[in-house]
Protein backbone atom coordinates (compact mmCIF):
# COMPACT_ATOMS: atom_id res chain seq x y z
CA MET A 1 237.94 136.38 157.77
CA ALA A 2 237.81 133.26 155.79
CA LEU A 3 237.70 135.09 152.33
CA LEU A 4 234.91 137.13 153.55
CA ALA A 5 232.91 134.08 154.10
CA PRO A 6 232.19 133.26 150.20
CA LEU A 7 229.83 135.26 148.53
CA GLY A 8 228.80 137.26 152.02
CA ALA A 9 230.08 138.25 155.34
CA GLY A 10 229.74 136.62 158.79
CA GLN A 11 226.60 134.64 159.28
CA THR A 12 224.81 135.90 156.18
CA GLY A 13 227.36 134.33 153.85
CA ALA A 14 227.19 131.28 155.34
CA GLN A 15 223.53 131.15 155.46
CA GLN A 16 223.40 131.73 151.38
CA ILE A 17 224.81 128.10 151.17
CA GLY A 18 222.04 126.55 153.24
CA LYS A 19 219.97 127.19 156.78
CA ASP A 20 222.41 125.94 159.43
CA GLN A 21 221.79 125.36 162.90
CA ALA A 22 223.63 128.43 164.31
CA GLY A 23 221.06 128.87 167.16
CA LYS A 24 221.46 125.51 168.54
CA ASP A 25 225.54 125.97 168.07
CA GLN A 26 225.17 128.80 170.93
CA ALA A 27 224.18 126.17 173.38
CA ALA A 28 227.51 123.92 173.15
CA SER A 29 230.02 124.31 175.65
CA ALA A 30 233.74 124.44 175.08
CA THR A 31 234.91 122.06 177.88
CA THR A 32 237.80 120.73 175.96
CA ALA A 33 241.11 122.68 176.98
CA ALA A 34 242.70 124.33 173.63
CA PRO A 35 246.15 123.40 172.82
CA ALA A 36 248.88 125.79 173.80
CA TYR A 37 250.50 127.62 170.83
CA THR A 38 253.22 130.39 170.81
CA VAL A 39 251.52 133.74 169.86
CA ALA A 40 253.24 135.31 166.95
CA THR A 41 254.86 138.76 167.01
CA LEU A 42 252.79 140.82 164.66
CA ARG A 43 254.42 143.01 161.98
CA ARG A 44 252.71 146.65 161.71
CA ASP A 45 255.37 148.78 159.96
CA PHE A 46 255.12 148.21 156.45
CA LYS A 47 256.31 151.86 154.87
CA ASP A 48 259.49 150.49 153.69
CA SER A 49 258.50 147.46 152.02
CA PHE A 50 254.94 146.67 151.27
CA PRO A 51 254.90 143.29 149.52
CA ILE A 52 251.62 143.67 147.56
CA PRO A 53 251.34 145.70 144.76
CA ALA A 54 248.82 148.36 144.16
CA GLY A 55 246.24 147.31 141.26
CA GLU A 56 246.55 143.51 142.44
CA LYS A 57 243.16 141.71 141.47
CA LEU A 58 242.45 138.30 142.82
CA GLU A 59 239.14 136.63 141.08
CA TYR A 60 238.08 133.12 143.25
CA GLU A 61 235.43 130.71 142.11
CA VAL A 62 233.35 129.84 144.92
CA ARG A 63 231.86 126.23 144.79
CA LEU A 64 229.75 123.85 146.56
CA SER A 65 230.04 120.06 146.57
CA ARG A 66 228.23 117.30 148.33
CA PHE A 67 228.48 113.66 147.61
CA PRO A 68 227.43 112.28 145.75
CA LEU A 69 226.25 115.28 143.52
CA PRO A 70 228.76 116.96 141.49
CA PRO A 71 230.31 120.44 142.38
CA ILE A 72 228.06 123.22 141.75
CA SER A 73 229.31 126.93 141.21
CA LEU A 74 228.10 129.57 143.75
CA GLY A 75 229.86 132.60 142.34
CA VAL A 76 232.79 134.70 142.17
CA LEU A 77 234.81 136.78 144.91
CA THR A 78 236.95 139.57 143.69
CA LEU A 79 239.89 141.03 145.99
CA GLU A 80 241.51 144.27 145.03
CA ASN A 81 244.36 146.33 146.33
CA LEU A 82 243.22 150.09 144.92
CA GLY A 83 246.61 151.42 146.18
CA ALA A 84 247.20 154.63 148.23
CA VAL A 85 244.73 157.29 148.55
CA THR A 86 244.94 161.12 147.90
CA ILE A 87 243.73 163.12 150.23
CA PRO A 88 242.28 166.24 149.27
CA GLN A 89 244.17 169.38 150.76
CA ASN A 90 242.46 172.59 151.23
CA SER A 91 244.50 175.78 150.36
CA GLY A 92 243.49 177.61 153.79
CA ALA A 93 243.01 181.10 151.59
CA ALA A 94 240.98 183.32 152.77
CA GLY A 95 237.54 183.36 151.08
CA ASP A 96 238.54 179.95 149.49
CA GLN A 97 235.28 177.90 148.46
CA GLN A 98 236.87 174.89 147.20
CA LYS A 99 234.36 172.51 145.82
CA PRO A 100 234.08 169.28 147.79
CA GLY A 101 235.90 166.25 146.19
CA ALA A 102 234.77 162.75 145.42
CA PRO A 103 234.17 160.80 148.63
CA LEU A 104 236.99 158.68 149.41
CA ILE A 105 234.27 155.45 149.22
CA GLU A 106 231.63 155.81 147.31
CA GLY A 107 228.25 155.13 148.92
CA LEU A 108 229.41 156.09 152.51
CA ASN A 109 226.55 156.68 154.37
CA THR A 110 228.38 159.08 157.32
CA GLU A 111 230.96 161.54 157.14
CA PHE A 112 234.70 160.87 157.49
CA THR A 113 237.53 163.41 157.49
CA PRO A 114 241.20 162.01 157.45
CA ALA A 115 243.67 164.22 159.04
CA PRO A 116 245.93 165.98 156.43
CA ASP A 117 248.84 163.73 157.32
CA GLU A 118 247.38 160.29 157.12
CA GLN A 119 248.63 157.79 154.90
CA LEU A 120 245.84 155.79 153.91
CA LEU A 121 245.44 152.29 151.75
CA ARG A 122 242.29 151.38 150.01
CA LEU A 123 240.95 147.92 149.72
CA ARG A 124 237.88 146.42 148.11
CA ALA A 125 236.21 143.03 147.65
CA THR A 126 233.19 142.18 145.67
CA ALA A 127 231.05 138.87 145.79
CA VAL A 128 228.75 138.02 142.91
CA SER A 129 226.59 134.99 142.94
CA LYS A 130 226.06 132.73 139.74
CA GLY A 131 225.31 129.29 138.37
CA ALA A 132 223.39 127.36 141.09
CA LEU A 133 222.85 129.93 143.77
CA VAL A 134 220.77 131.93 141.04
CA SER A 135 219.16 129.36 138.96
CA LEU A 136 218.22 126.54 141.78
CA PHE A 137 218.07 128.76 145.08
CA GLY A 138 217.04 132.04 143.48
CA VAL A 139 219.90 133.90 145.36
CA ASP A 140 221.19 136.91 143.59
CA VAL A 141 223.78 138.40 145.82
CA ARG A 142 226.32 141.40 144.83
CA ASN A 143 228.11 142.39 148.05
CA ARG A 144 230.62 145.23 147.78
CA PHE A 145 233.38 145.65 150.70
CA GLU A 146 235.53 148.72 150.88
CA ALA A 147 238.09 149.54 153.62
CA LEU A 148 240.62 152.41 154.29
CA VAL A 149 243.53 151.39 156.42
CA ASP A 150 246.33 153.39 157.93
CA MET A 151 249.60 152.57 156.23
CA ARG A 152 251.37 153.55 159.63
CA ASP A 153 250.15 150.36 161.51
CA PHE A 154 247.56 148.86 159.17
CA SER A 155 244.68 149.82 161.68
CA ALA A 156 241.20 150.05 160.22
CA ARG A 157 240.07 153.75 159.67
CA VAL A 158 236.81 153.25 157.77
CA ASN A 159 235.06 150.40 156.50
CA LEU A 160 231.74 149.86 154.03
CA LYS A 161 229.77 146.98 153.49
CA GLU A 162 227.05 146.91 151.08
CA GLU A 163 224.73 143.65 150.97
CA LYS A 164 222.34 143.53 147.67
CA GLU A 165 220.93 140.18 148.21
CA GLY A 166 217.36 139.71 146.13
CA LYS A 167 215.33 142.65 147.65
CA LYS A 168 217.63 143.19 150.46
CA HIS A 169 219.88 146.34 149.98
CA ILE A 170 221.81 147.54 152.95
CA ILE A 171 224.90 150.08 153.57
CA GLN A 172 226.58 149.72 156.58
CA SER A 173 229.43 152.11 157.50
CA THR A 174 232.11 151.70 160.04
CA ILE A 175 234.10 154.37 161.25
CA PHE A 176 237.24 153.55 163.67
CA ASP A 177 237.65 156.37 165.85
CA ARG A 178 240.94 156.77 167.55
CA ALA A 179 239.98 160.29 169.48
CA GLU A 180 237.08 158.44 170.89
CA GLN A 181 238.44 155.01 171.06
CA GLN A 182 235.01 153.72 169.37
CA VAL A 183 234.29 151.90 166.46
CA LYS A 184 230.94 153.64 165.23
CA TYR A 185 228.72 151.40 163.02
CA LEU A 186 225.93 153.24 161.05
CA THR A 187 223.23 150.89 158.94
CA THR A 188 221.02 152.21 156.42
CA ASP A 189 218.06 150.25 154.95
CA LEU A 190 217.77 151.50 151.48
CA THR A 191 214.44 149.62 151.09
CA LYS A 192 213.02 151.59 154.00
CA PRO A 193 214.01 155.45 153.03
CA ASP A 194 211.68 156.45 155.99
CA ALA A 195 213.33 154.31 158.35
CA PRO A 196 216.05 156.04 160.34
CA PRO A 197 219.93 154.62 160.31
CA ARG A 198 220.35 152.28 162.96
CA ALA A 199 223.68 153.39 165.09
CA LYS A 200 225.97 151.47 167.39
CA PRO A 201 228.78 152.17 169.25
CA LEU A 202 231.71 149.64 170.32
CA PRO A 203 234.78 150.30 172.27
CA ARG A 204 238.01 150.16 169.70
CA GLN A 205 241.29 148.62 170.61
CA GLU A 206 244.36 149.35 169.35
CA GLY A 207 245.49 148.06 166.00
CA MET A 208 241.85 146.89 165.34
CA LEU A 209 241.35 145.67 162.05
CA SER A 210 238.14 145.37 159.71
CA LEU A 211 237.18 142.01 158.02
CA LEU A 212 238.47 142.89 154.79
CA SER A 213 241.57 144.49 156.10
CA ALA A 214 242.19 141.23 158.01
CA ILE A 215 242.79 139.21 154.88
CA TYR A 216 245.56 141.57 154.12
CA PHE A 217 247.02 142.02 157.37
CA VAL A 218 247.53 138.08 157.72
CA ARG A 219 249.54 138.34 153.99
CA LEU A 220 251.84 140.72 155.85
CA GLN A 221 252.97 138.41 158.68
CA LYS A 222 256.04 136.39 158.75
CA LEU A 223 254.41 132.92 158.98
CA HIS A 224 255.90 130.51 161.38
CA GLU A 225 254.77 126.95 161.58
CA GLY A 226 252.99 126.16 164.96
CA GLN A 227 252.40 129.91 165.79
CA MET A 228 249.23 131.60 166.64
CA LEU A 229 248.26 135.11 164.65
CA THR A 230 245.90 136.78 167.22
CA PHE A 231 244.49 140.28 166.62
CA PRO A 232 241.07 142.21 167.13
CA VAL A 233 238.76 142.83 164.83
CA SER A 234 235.61 144.52 164.38
CA ALA A 235 232.81 143.06 161.91
CA ASP A 236 228.91 143.03 161.88
CA GLU A 237 228.64 145.01 164.87
CA GLU A 238 230.52 142.99 167.08
CA ASN A 239 234.23 142.93 168.41
CA TYR A 240 236.28 139.60 168.47
CA GLN A 241 239.77 138.16 168.74
CA PHE A 242 240.73 136.47 165.58
CA GLU A 243 243.38 133.60 165.83
CA ILE A 244 245.03 131.92 162.95
CA LEU A 245 247.07 128.81 163.41
CA VAL A 246 250.22 128.72 160.97
CA GLY A 247 250.34 125.21 159.46
CA LYS A 248 253.23 123.46 157.72
CA ARG A 249 254.50 124.24 154.53
CA GLU A 250 252.97 122.15 151.63
CA SER A 251 253.18 122.22 147.88
CA ILE A 252 249.53 122.25 146.26
CA LYS A 253 248.34 121.70 142.69
CA THR A 254 247.33 124.74 141.08
CA ASP A 255 246.73 125.55 137.24
CA CYS A 256 250.60 126.48 137.13
CA GLY A 257 251.69 123.19 138.50
CA LYS A 258 252.65 122.20 142.05
CA VAL A 259 253.41 125.78 144.19
CA LYS A 260 255.15 126.12 147.57
CA SER A 261 252.37 127.44 149.97
CA VAL A 262 251.79 127.76 153.57
CA ARG A 263 248.82 125.94 155.60
CA LEU A 264 246.47 128.42 157.87
CA GLU A 265 243.79 127.27 160.05
CA PRO A 266 241.45 129.76 160.93
CA LYS A 267 239.85 129.42 164.19
CA LEU A 268 237.24 131.66 164.09
CA PHE A 269 234.21 129.03 164.63
CA GLY A 270 231.96 127.81 167.46
CA PRO A 271 230.13 129.36 170.38
CA GLY A 272 231.18 133.28 171.05
CA ARG A 273 233.33 133.56 167.66
CA PHE A 274 232.75 134.82 164.64
CA PHE A 275 230.84 132.08 162.81
CA LYS A 276 228.61 130.62 165.34
CA ARG A 277 228.59 127.04 163.54
CA GLN A 278 231.01 124.29 163.75
CA VAL A 279 233.07 124.51 160.29
CA ASP A 280 236.42 122.80 159.56
CA MET A 281 238.36 125.52 157.43
CA THR A 282 241.95 125.47 155.75
CA MET A 283 243.51 128.33 153.82
CA TRP A 284 246.91 127.93 151.73
CA VAL A 285 248.81 131.17 150.86
CA SER A 286 251.61 131.25 148.44
CA ASP A 287 255.05 131.02 150.18
CA ASP A 288 256.66 134.01 149.22
CA THR A 289 256.39 137.61 150.11
CA LYS A 290 253.10 138.26 148.59
CA ARG A 291 251.29 135.54 150.49
CA THR A 292 249.04 135.16 147.97
CA PRO A 293 245.85 133.36 148.97
CA LEU A 294 245.65 130.44 146.52
CA ARG A 295 243.01 128.10 147.96
CA LEU A 296 240.22 127.63 150.74
CA VAL A 297 238.57 124.69 151.66
CA ALA A 298 235.41 124.79 154.22
CA LYS A 299 233.89 121.62 155.35
CA THR A 300 230.40 122.07 156.69
CA PRO A 301 227.47 119.88 157.49
CA LYS A 302 225.74 120.86 154.20
CA GLY A 303 228.77 120.07 151.97
CA THR A 304 232.20 121.31 151.37
CA VAL A 305 232.79 124.97 150.02
CA THR A 306 235.82 125.79 148.12
CA ALA A 307 237.30 128.96 146.94
CA LYS A 308 239.90 128.41 144.15
CA LEU A 309 241.99 131.36 142.33
CA LEU A 310 240.92 131.91 138.94
CA ASN A 311 243.42 134.10 137.62
CA PHE A 312 246.69 132.73 138.95
CA ARG A 313 247.38 131.19 135.37
CA LYS A 314 248.17 134.64 134.35
CA LYS A 315 250.22 135.19 137.38
CA CYS A 316 252.42 131.82 137.47
CA ASN A 317 255.37 133.53 138.45
CA ILE A 318 254.32 134.43 142.02
CA ILE A 319 256.58 131.94 143.18
CA ASP A 320 259.72 131.09 140.95
CA GLN A 321 259.82 127.26 141.34
CA GLU A 322 263.20 127.33 139.30
CA ASP A 323 265.01 129.79 141.44
CA GLU A 324 264.08 128.76 144.97
CA GLY A 325 267.56 129.64 146.26
CA LYS A 326 266.60 133.24 145.78
CA GLN A 327 263.53 133.13 148.21
CA LYS A 328 264.30 134.71 151.35
CA ASN A 329 263.17 132.46 154.70
CA ASP A 330 261.31 134.53 157.18
């Protein structure tokens, strides 16, 4: 998750801020017993009260700091809830030759036909490099992620990842096939038109999420301090069990002043996990029904990466500090 590993996804995004020692970390052994946490009961039914409004667009500036150098800007990450998807309906009349409609996700390199009764939500994220990442390192990143999720249980149905990083241009589609209980990856290298796409099937678990939908799924949960959110995610041609520890309620400084928030600690780092290297990461979300991600801090051997919500100043009513009594406690 980790806000799509600022300016990328998985190890690809992490590598853009400095080559790490992922291979060496694989050899590390986890000998220390993990503390016992209460596993949270996950919310899956949101049809009657979906708190994240359609059209919501959140923009984050991603920065890297390393003492004694001043912080440098790496790029901008944008998250969007595009709202419900209208599924084209065929009339079924004899001889009907209805023209095919536009694809549900532009650029999808495989076929996906939802059932007529499916209720789908469309999510999108873009990561665009700027500043030092371009001028100093020559890394031009323009990545796009899109996801369709089933509104009945928020499980993933389709995911698209388009990576445009320098000369690299890859499209990867992922179909979460319920009938065959498989996650079907299809990856096309657009710089090699003669090369066949790479296909990889994986077993699908019930309620499985994509990386992008996992960000929104966490926002929809009841967050109780000391509980661990755990759920299956398929990303980058691998299956994972994500764990997010819910921390304390805290007030953090924003452009709108101090805001009540919930501290989250993603446990996604180390051998056998989504990120192979060890990183200390913390994320804060607003302590209201929207659970808006406000800030992310990741401390790495190469420096500290932060993602800060840019357009929060326009949305200072996310939490009404003057009317705390109206907020409902989970």
